[in-house]
């Protein structure tokens, strides 16, 4: 199980006691296609899972898988080794990548305050998201009962800007009123903060 943006790091090996040369490929299952896979010989140990099938002296060939997953999903990773007799051996594992919700942090939001009735109030801020390719919508609840509004989002910097006019204080004829502004950032997979 990986979080979106995390890297798959997995070691593996293959054994083939009757061949002298191999071509190895890996498909990470995310549409990036087949990629060459490097391997190196090492001595097989008695405690390895296949020690009943191969003698302890059999050489196994180690490889390391390493891949970054940009999008959440379930991916089938397949490793293929083709020996000099054109016989293919394959191994597979399944990788689940989960979406990470964007993170909106209170300390990075600012608003022009206090504001007089009828004055334009500007809200600015930023958010983070581990998903480099995620897109976002940002809704603002201005706390005065007006409809929710959408903030302008700069996808490159992940900053936002929104404006609002508080028409009248509530309740009426008070010297000062405070409103709780709530910002909700939602990514294209439906996760929000």
Protein backbone atom coordinates (compact mmCIF):
# COMPACT_ATOMS: atom_id res chain seq x y z
CA UNK A 1 0.00 0.00 0.00
CA UNK A 2 1.45 3.33 -1.10
CA UNK A 3 0.28 6.90 -0.75
CA UNK A 4 -0.07 8.91 -3.92
CA UNK A 5 3.31 10.39 -4.78
CA UNK A 6 5.23 7.70 -2.88
CA UNK A 7 7.82 5.49 -4.51
CA UNK A 8 7.63 1.73 -4.88
CA UNK A 9 10.93 0.23 -3.68
CA UNK A 10 10.93 -3.55 -3.83
CA UNK A 11 13.76 -6.05 -4.11
CA UNK A 12 13.38 -9.35 -5.93
CA UNK A 13 15.33 -12.07 -7.67
CA UNK A 14 15.04 -14.91 -10.16
CA UNK A 15 16.78 -18.29 -10.39
CA UNK A 16 17.63 -20.16 -13.60
CA UNK A 17 20.33 -22.85 -13.15
CA UNK A 18 20.41 -24.00 -16.80
CA UNK A 19 20.83 -20.71 -18.68
CA UNK A 20 23.68 -18.28 -19.21
CA UNK A 21 22.03 -15.05 -20.38
CA UNK A 22 18.77 -13.23 -19.75
CA UNK A 23 16.82 -10.16 -20.74
CA UNK A 24 14.70 -8.74 -17.94
CA UNK A 25 11.84 -6.27 -18.25
CA UNK A 26 9.37 -4.70 -15.84
CA UNK A 27 5.90 -3.28 -16.47
CA UNK A 28 4.76 -1.10 -13.56
CA UNK A 29 1.14 -1.31 -14.72
CA UNK A 30 0.50 2.42 -14.96
CA UNK A 31 0.82 2.88 -18.71
CA UNK A 32 4.51 3.76 -18.72
CA UNK A 33 5.21 0.56 -20.71
CA UNK A 34 7.93 -2.05 -20.53
CA UNK A 35 11.23 -0.92 -19.07
CA UNK A 36 14.57 -2.71 -18.93
CA UNK A 37 15.47 -4.10 -15.53
CA UNK A 38 19.03 -4.48 -14.28
CA UNK A 39 20.05 -7.52 -12.26
CA UNK A 40 23.20 -8.87 -10.64
CA UNK A 41 24.19 -12.38 -9.50
CA UNK A 42 24.53 -13.27 -5.86
CA UNK A 43 24.88 -16.54 -4.01
CA UNK A 44 21.60 -18.20 -3.09
CA UNK A 45 21.18 -18.73 0.67
CA UNK A 46 19.71 -21.76 2.41
CA UNK A 47 16.90 -19.76 4.00
CA UNK A 48 15.53 -18.40 0.70
CA UNK A 49 11.96 -19.49 -0.12
CA UNK A 50 12.96 -21.62 -3.13
CA UNK A 51 15.74 -23.60 -1.38
CA UNK A 52 13.69 -26.82 -1.71
CA UNK A 53 13.44 -26.37 -5.47
CA UNK A 54 17.05 -25.35 -6.18
CA UNK A 55 20.26 -26.41 -4.49
CA UNK A 56 21.78 -24.04 -1.97
CA UNK A 57 24.61 -23.37 -4.42
CA UNK A 58 22.24 -22.11 -7.17
CA UNK A 59 22.88 -18.54 -8.16
CA UNK A 60 20.01 -16.14 -7.95
CA UNK A 61 19.90 -12.82 -9.74
CA UNK A 62 18.87 -9.81 -7.70
CA UNK A 63 16.95 -6.83 -9.04
CA UNK A 64 15.43 -3.72 -7.51
CA UNK A 65 12.09 -2.23 -8.52
CA UNK A 66 11.76 1.52 -8.16
CA UNK A 67 8.87 3.57 -9.51
CA UNK A 68 6.87 6.68 -8.59
CA UNK A 69 3.08 6.50 -8.92
CA UNK A 70 1.45 9.84 -9.69
CA UNK A 71 -2.18 8.65 -9.62
CA UNK A 72 -4.15 6.55 -7.15
CA UNK A 73 -5.29 3.12 -8.30
CA UNK A 74 -4.48 -0.58 -8.23
CA UNK A 75 -1.51 -1.51 -10.41
CA UNK A 76 -0.22 -4.93 -11.46
CA UNK A 77 3.58 -4.93 -11.60
CA UNK A 78 5.02 -7.69 -13.80
CA UNK A 79 8.66 -8.72 -14.09
CA UNK A 80 9.71 -10.92 -17.03
CA UNK A 81 13.01 -12.73 -17.52
CA UNK A 82 13.73 -14.27 -20.95
CA UNK A 83 16.62 -16.72 -21.06
CA UNK A 84 18.92 -17.55 -23.98
CA UNK A 85 16.54 -20.37 -24.98
CA UNK A 86 13.69 -17.84 -25.31
CA UNK A 87 11.88 -19.32 -22.30
CA UNK A 88 10.04 -16.70 -20.27
CA UNK A 89 9.61 -16.60 -16.52
CA UNK A 90 7.34 -14.00 -14.91
CA UNK A 91 6.56 -12.75 -11.46
CA UNK A 92 3.94 -10.24 -10.39
CA UNK A 93 2.83 -8.16 -7.47
CA UNK A 94 -0.07 -5.81 -6.96
CA UNK A 95 0.45 -2.26 -5.77
CA UNK A 96 -2.39 -0.18 -4.35
CA UNK A 97 -1.86 3.58 -4.42
CA UNK A 98 -4.28 5.62 -2.33
CA UNK A 99 -5.19 9.24 -2.92
CA UNK A 100 -3.86 11.79 -0.46
CA UNK A 101 -6.20 14.59 0.50
CA UNK A 102 -5.01 18.15 -0.08
CA UNK A 103 -3.94 20.02 3.03
CA UNK A 104 -5.25 23.50 3.75
CA UNK A 105 -3.36 25.08 6.63
CA UNK A 106 -4.94 27.91 8.62
CA UNK A 107 -1.71 29.85 9.01
CA UNK A 108 -1.31 30.39 5.27
CA UNK A 109 -4.71 32.07 4.78
CA UNK A 110 -5.10 35.80 5.21
CA UNK A 111 -8.08 38.09 4.93
CA UNK A 112 -8.41 41.86 5.02
CA UNK A 113 -10.01 42.45 8.41
CA UNK A 114 -11.72 44.30 9.96
CA UNK A 115 -13.94 45.34 7.07
CA UNK A 116 -16.67 47.93 6.90
CA UNK A 117 -20.10 47.10 5.51
CA UNK A 118 -19.98 47.14 1.73
CA UNK A 119 -16.19 46.87 1.62
CA UNK A 120 -14.55 44.25 -0.60
CA UNK A 121 -12.79 41.62 1.50
CA UNK A 122 -9.95 39.62 -0.09
CA UNK A 123 -9.02 36.13 1.04
CA UNK A 124 -5.65 34.69 -0.03
CA UNK A 125 -3.97 31.42 0.84
CA UNK A 126 -2.34 28.25 -0.35
CA UNK A 127 -2.58 24.51 0.06
CA UNK A 128 -0.47 21.42 -0.56
CA UNK A 129 -1.18 18.04 -2.12
CA UNK A 130 1.10 15.02 -2.53
CA UNK A 131 -0.55 14.33 -5.89
CA UNK A 132 1.52 16.42 -8.29
CA UNK A 133 -1.00 15.99 -11.12
CA UNK A 134 -4.16 16.47 -9.05
CA UNK A 135 -6.49 19.34 -9.90
CA UNK A 136 -8.50 21.22 -7.29
CA UNK A 137 -11.61 23.25 -6.59
CA UNK A 138 -11.81 25.57 -3.61
CA UNK A 139 -15.11 26.61 -2.02
CA UNK A 140 -15.44 29.43 0.49
CA UNK A 141 -18.19 29.76 3.09
CA UNK A 142 -18.04 33.38 4.17
CA UNK A 143 -20.04 32.69 7.34
CA UNK A 144 -22.76 35.29 6.71
CA UNK A 145 -25.38 33.01 5.18
CA UNK A 146 -24.54 33.96 1.61
CA UNK A 147 -24.16 31.16 -0.97
CA UNK A 148 -20.84 29.34 -1.12
CA UNK A 149 -18.44 30.83 -3.64
CA UNK A 150 -15.56 29.35 -5.59
CA UNK A 151 -12.06 30.76 -5.19
CA UNK A 152 -9.69 31.25 -8.08
CA UNK A 153 -6.99 28.57 -7.98
CA UNK A 154 -3.54 28.89 -9.49
CA UNK A 155 -2.69 25.23 -10.26
CA UNK A 156 1.03 25.89 -10.67
CA UNK A 157 1.54 27.47 -7.25
CA UNK A 158 -1.55 26.02 -5.54
CA UNK A 159 -2.52 29.42 -4.24
CA UNK A 160 -6.05 30.79 -4.04
CA UNK A 161 -7.76 34.14 -4.13
CA UNK A 162 -11.38 35.03 -3.38
CA UNK A 163 -13.32 38.21 -2.69
CA UNK A 164 -16.56 38.95 -0.87
CA UNK A 165 -18.63 41.91 0.28
CA UNK A 166 -20.32 41.76 3.66
CA UNK A 167 -23.44 43.78 2.86
CA UNK A 168 -24.76 44.18 6.39
CA UNK A 169 -23.77 43.07 9.84
CA UNK A 170 -25.89 40.43 11.52
CA UNK A 171 -27.60 41.03 13.83
CA UNK A 172 -28.32 44.57 12.64
CA UNK A 173 -27.23 47.66 14.58
CA UNK A 174 -24.34 46.08 16.42
CA UNK A 175 -20.97 47.79 16.58
CA UNK A 176 -19.02 44.69 15.48
CA UNK A 177 -19.73 41.20 14.19
CA UNK A 178 -17.40 38.30 13.60
CA UNK A 179 -17.82 35.70 10.84
CA UNK A 180 -16.16 32.33 10.60
CA UNK A 181 -14.79 31.80 7.09
CA UNK A 182 -14.37 28.19 6.02
CA UNK A 183 -12.24 27.16 3.03
CA UNK A 184 -12.65 23.67 1.56
CA UNK A 185 -10.08 22.34 -0.92
CA UNK A 186 -11.22 19.28 -2.93
CA UNK A 187 -9.10 17.32 -5.38
CA UNK A 188 -10.30 15.61 -8.56
CA UNK A 189 -10.62 12.29 -6.69
CA UNK A 190 -13.07 13.76 -4.17
CA UNK A 191 -10.74 14.02 -1.17
CA UNK A 192 -10.95 17.31 0.68
CA UNK A 193 -9.67 19.30 3.61
